[in-house]
Protein backbone atom coordinates (compact mmCIF):
# COMPACT_ATOMS: atom_id res chain seq x y z
CA LYS A 1 209.09 79.54 -28.50
CA SER A 2 205.79 80.22 -29.48
CA PRO A 3 203.47 81.47 -27.02
CA VAL A 4 200.58 79.12 -28.35
CA ASN A 5 202.06 76.07 -27.98
CA GLY A 6 205.81 76.24 -26.91
CA GLU A 7 207.22 75.07 -30.26
CA ASP A 8 209.87 76.82 -32.03
CA TYR A 9 209.05 79.04 -34.76
CA LEU A 10 210.85 81.22 -37.57
CA PHE A 11 211.33 84.85 -36.15
CA TYR A 12 212.07 87.97 -38.14
CA PRO A 13 213.65 90.88 -36.06
CA PRO A 14 211.32 93.88 -36.07
CA GLU A 15 214.54 96.12 -36.96
CA GLN A 16 215.04 94.11 -40.19
CA ALA A 17 211.37 94.26 -40.93
CA LEU A 18 211.34 98.14 -40.43
CA ARG A 19 214.63 98.52 -42.61
CA ARG A 20 212.90 96.60 -45.47
CA LYS A 21 209.82 98.51 -45.12
CA ILE A 22 211.68 101.77 -45.40
CA VAL A 23 213.18 100.60 -48.61
CA ALA A 24 210.11 99.38 -49.89
CA LEU A 25 208.57 102.94 -49.27
CA THR A 26 211.29 104.82 -50.57
CA VAL A 27 211.09 102.72 -53.72
CA VAL A 28 206.95 103.46 -54.01
CA ALA A 29 208.03 106.95 -53.48
CA THR A 30 210.74 107.27 -56.27
CA CYS A 31 207.86 105.76 -58.20
CA ILE A 32 205.38 108.33 -57.51
CA LEU A 33 208.02 111.31 -58.05
CA GLY A 34 208.50 109.55 -61.69
CA VAL A 35 204.58 110.09 -62.21
CA PHE A 36 204.94 113.49 -61.65
CA ILE A 37 207.93 113.76 -63.75
CA CYS A 38 205.91 111.98 -66.67
CA VAL A 39 203.04 114.00 -66.10
CA LEU A 40 205.27 117.44 -66.40
CA PHE A 41 206.94 116.27 -69.54
CA VAL A 42 203.48 115.30 -71.02
CA PHE A 43 202.35 118.64 -70.35
CA ALA A 44 205.44 120.37 -71.66
CA PHE A 45 204.39 118.71 -74.89
CA GLN A 46 201.14 119.92 -74.73
CA VAL A 47 202.71 123.56 -74.50
CA TRP A 48 205.04 122.83 -77.05
CA VAL A 49 202.16 121.52 -79.41
CA ASN A 50 200.19 124.39 -78.96
CA GLN A 51 202.59 126.93 -80.14
CA PRO A 52 201.35 128.68 -83.47
CA ALA A 53 204.28 127.16 -85.58
CA ASN A 54 204.05 123.58 -84.27
CA LYS A 55 200.11 123.71 -84.60
CA ALA A 56 200.82 124.39 -88.48
CA MET A 57 203.50 121.50 -88.56
CA LEU A 58 201.00 119.23 -86.93
CA THR A 59 197.89 120.03 -89.13
CA PHE A 60 197.11 117.36 -91.91
CA ALA A 61 194.19 117.76 -94.10
CA GLY A 62 192.88 120.62 -91.82
CA ILE A 63 192.77 118.43 -88.62
CA GLU A 64 195.17 119.62 -85.99
CA THR A 65 196.59 116.65 -84.74
CA GLY A 66 198.75 117.82 -82.10
CA SER A 67 195.78 117.44 -79.32
CA ILE A 68 195.29 113.82 -80.51
CA ILE A 69 198.81 113.02 -80.14
CA TYR A 70 198.99 114.73 -76.57
CA SER A 71 195.74 112.60 -75.47
CA ILE A 72 197.17 109.23 -76.92
CA LEU A 73 200.48 110.00 -75.13
CA ASN A 74 199.11 110.70 -71.70
CA ALA A 75 196.77 107.69 -71.71
CA ALA A 76 199.64 105.50 -73.06
CA VAL A 77 202.09 106.94 -70.18
CA ILE A 78 199.34 106.35 -67.61
CA ILE A 79 198.62 102.47 -69.04
CA ILE A 80 202.39 101.83 -69.14
CA LEU A 81 203.06 103.05 -65.61
CA ASN A 82 200.40 101.18 -64.10
CA ALA A 83 201.45 97.96 -65.76
CA ASN A 84 205.10 98.22 -64.89
CA PHE A 85 204.30 99.25 -61.35
CA SER A 86 202.67 95.89 -60.48
CA THR A 87 205.52 94.04 -61.22
CA VAL A 88 207.68 96.42 -58.75
CA ALA A 89 204.98 96.43 -55.93
CA ILE A 90 205.06 92.74 -56.09
CA GLN A 91 208.81 92.76 -55.78
CA MET A 92 208.71 94.97 -52.98
CA ASN A 93 205.94 93.14 -51.15
CA ASP A 94 208.09 90.16 -51.54
CA TYR A 95 211.02 92.00 -50.19
CA GLU A 96 209.21 93.01 -47.03
CA ASN A 97 208.96 89.22 -46.02
CA HIS A 98 205.10 89.77 -44.47
CA ARG A 99 204.43 87.18 -41.88
CA THR A 100 200.87 86.23 -43.45
CA ASP A 101 198.95 85.89 -46.42
CA THR A 102 196.41 88.40 -45.11
CA ILE A 103 199.22 91.51 -44.46
CA TYR A 104 200.94 90.44 -47.76
CA GLU A 105 197.66 90.94 -49.68
CA ASP A 106 196.76 94.18 -47.72
CA MET A 107 200.22 95.76 -48.17
CA LEU A 108 200.15 94.90 -52.20
CA ILE A 109 196.70 96.39 -52.60
CA SER A 110 197.74 99.72 -50.77
CA LYS A 111 200.77 99.94 -52.68
CA ILE A 112 199.22 99.40 -55.89
CA PHE A 113 196.15 101.66 -55.16
CA ILE A 114 198.35 104.76 -54.00
CA PHE A 115 200.23 104.40 -57.06
CA GLN A 116 197.45 103.90 -59.46
CA LEU A 117 195.39 106.99 -57.65
CA VAL A 118 198.07 109.22 -58.27
CA ASN A 119 199.01 107.94 -61.75
CA SER A 120 195.54 107.92 -63.14
CA TYR A 121 194.35 111.52 -61.38
CA ALA A 122 197.52 113.72 -61.53
CA SER A 123 197.09 114.91 -64.85
CA LEU A 124 193.37 115.97 -63.93
CA VAL A 125 194.46 117.37 -60.88
CA TYR A 126 197.06 119.33 -62.40
CA ILE A 127 194.61 120.81 -65.15
CA SER A 128 191.79 121.21 -62.95
CA PHE A 129 193.60 123.26 -60.16
CA PHE A 130 197.57 123.90 -61.13
CA LYS A 131 197.49 124.93 -64.63
CA ASN A 132 196.11 128.42 -64.40
CA LEU A 133 198.34 128.74 -61.64
CA ALA A 134 201.61 128.13 -63.51
CA GLY A 135 200.36 130.66 -65.98
CA LEU A 136 199.20 128.50 -68.97
CA GLU A 137 196.00 128.69 -70.64
CA CYS A 138 193.55 125.67 -71.05
CA THR A 139 192.49 124.53 -74.25
CA GLU A 140 189.75 126.96 -75.76
CA ASN A 141 189.97 128.86 -72.51
CA SER A 142 188.02 126.15 -70.73
CA CYS A 143 189.70 123.88 -68.18
CA THR A 144 186.41 121.92 -67.75
CA LYS A 145 186.61 121.45 -71.63
CA GLU A 146 190.17 119.97 -71.32
CA VAL A 147 189.71 118.06 -68.10
CA SER A 148 186.47 116.33 -70.04
CA SER A 149 188.40 115.76 -73.20
CA THR A 150 191.44 114.19 -71.10
CA LEU A 151 189.14 112.09 -69.11
CA SER A 152 187.08 110.69 -72.18
CA SER A 153 190.70 109.81 -73.94
CA LEU A 154 191.64 108.02 -70.76
CA PHE A 155 188.48 106.17 -70.50
CA ILE A 156 188.41 105.22 -74.19
CA SER A 157 192.31 104.04 -74.29
CA ARG A 158 191.46 102.23 -71.10
CA LEU A 159 188.57 100.48 -72.74
CA LEU A 160 190.43 99.54 -75.89
CA ALA A 161 193.49 98.49 -73.89
CA ALA A 162 191.51 96.04 -71.80
CA ASN A 163 189.72 94.69 -74.87
CA LEU A 164 192.87 94.12 -76.72
CA SER A 165 194.50 92.19 -73.78
CA GLY A 166 191.30 90.22 -72.66
CA VAL A 167 189.51 89.51 -76.14
CA ILE A 168 191.75 89.78 -78.94
CA VAL A 169 194.94 88.59 -77.33
CA PRO A 170 193.37 85.23 -76.16
CA LYS A 171 192.08 84.57 -79.32
CA LEU A 172 195.37 84.98 -81.17
CA ASN A 173 196.76 82.71 -78.73
CA LEU A 174 194.01 80.09 -79.41
CA HIS A 175 194.56 80.48 -82.98
CA LYS A 176 198.34 79.99 -82.42
CA ARG A 177 197.84 77.04 -79.90
CA GLN A 178 195.18 75.30 -82.66
CA LYS A 179 197.76 75.86 -85.49
CA GLU A 180 200.38 74.22 -83.58
CA GLU A 181 198.40 71.25 -82.50
CA SER A 182 197.21 70.69 -86.02
CA ALA A 183 200.90 71.00 -87.44
CA GLY A 184 201.51 67.14 -86.98
CA LEU A 185 198.32 66.00 -88.72
CA GLU A 186 198.06 64.54 -92.20
CA PRO A 187 197.03 67.21 -94.91
CA GLY A 188 192.94 67.22 -95.14
CA LYS A 189 192.40 65.40 -91.40
CA LYS A 190 190.88 67.23 -89.03
CA PRO A 191 191.48 67.26 -85.27
CA THR A 192 189.18 65.08 -83.11
CA PRO A 193 186.74 67.00 -80.38
CA ILE A 194 189.02 65.97 -77.79
CA GLU A 195 192.31 67.29 -79.62
CA GLU A 196 190.12 70.62 -79.97
CA GLN A 197 189.14 71.02 -76.21
CA TYR A 198 192.95 70.18 -75.46
CA ALA A 199 193.95 73.01 -77.50
CA LEU A 200 191.58 75.26 -75.35
């Protein structure tokens, strides 16, 4: 019975809610662990690229492409993991069965925020604080330069990805829809303004 108006309402047992929260927390923690593993693989690739034999193999027309490939790989891993975790976070939030929309949104924001924080900055924290402790040298013996180049490559790749998904993809979809709409028209006949608006 509701203490407010005495009517019956659906009750969700706290034990079941706690169980589901633990499952969701375990999944999020596993995803964050996956981020650390991906960061380690990316830096293992960087160590492999910096070996003299591999540097020579990845040099084309006097340009060392190893560091460029590493930067692109690092940025791609971050973007892909962020995009995929959003789906996982929504599924886990739905599974937790929150009572109100406000709690649902707060929990979703906290999951995505924690994951993206770790995912976006794990590589920068590793370069800044742990790379020297692991016995690895920074690029040109300057960890500041490496942090700067990693940060700039992340910024540029995110900017390109945002422009691709926000500008180019919608334009391609619009062109495709307009082509589909005009497919049934007689040759030489243009769609009316209303039909053009409908295609939008």
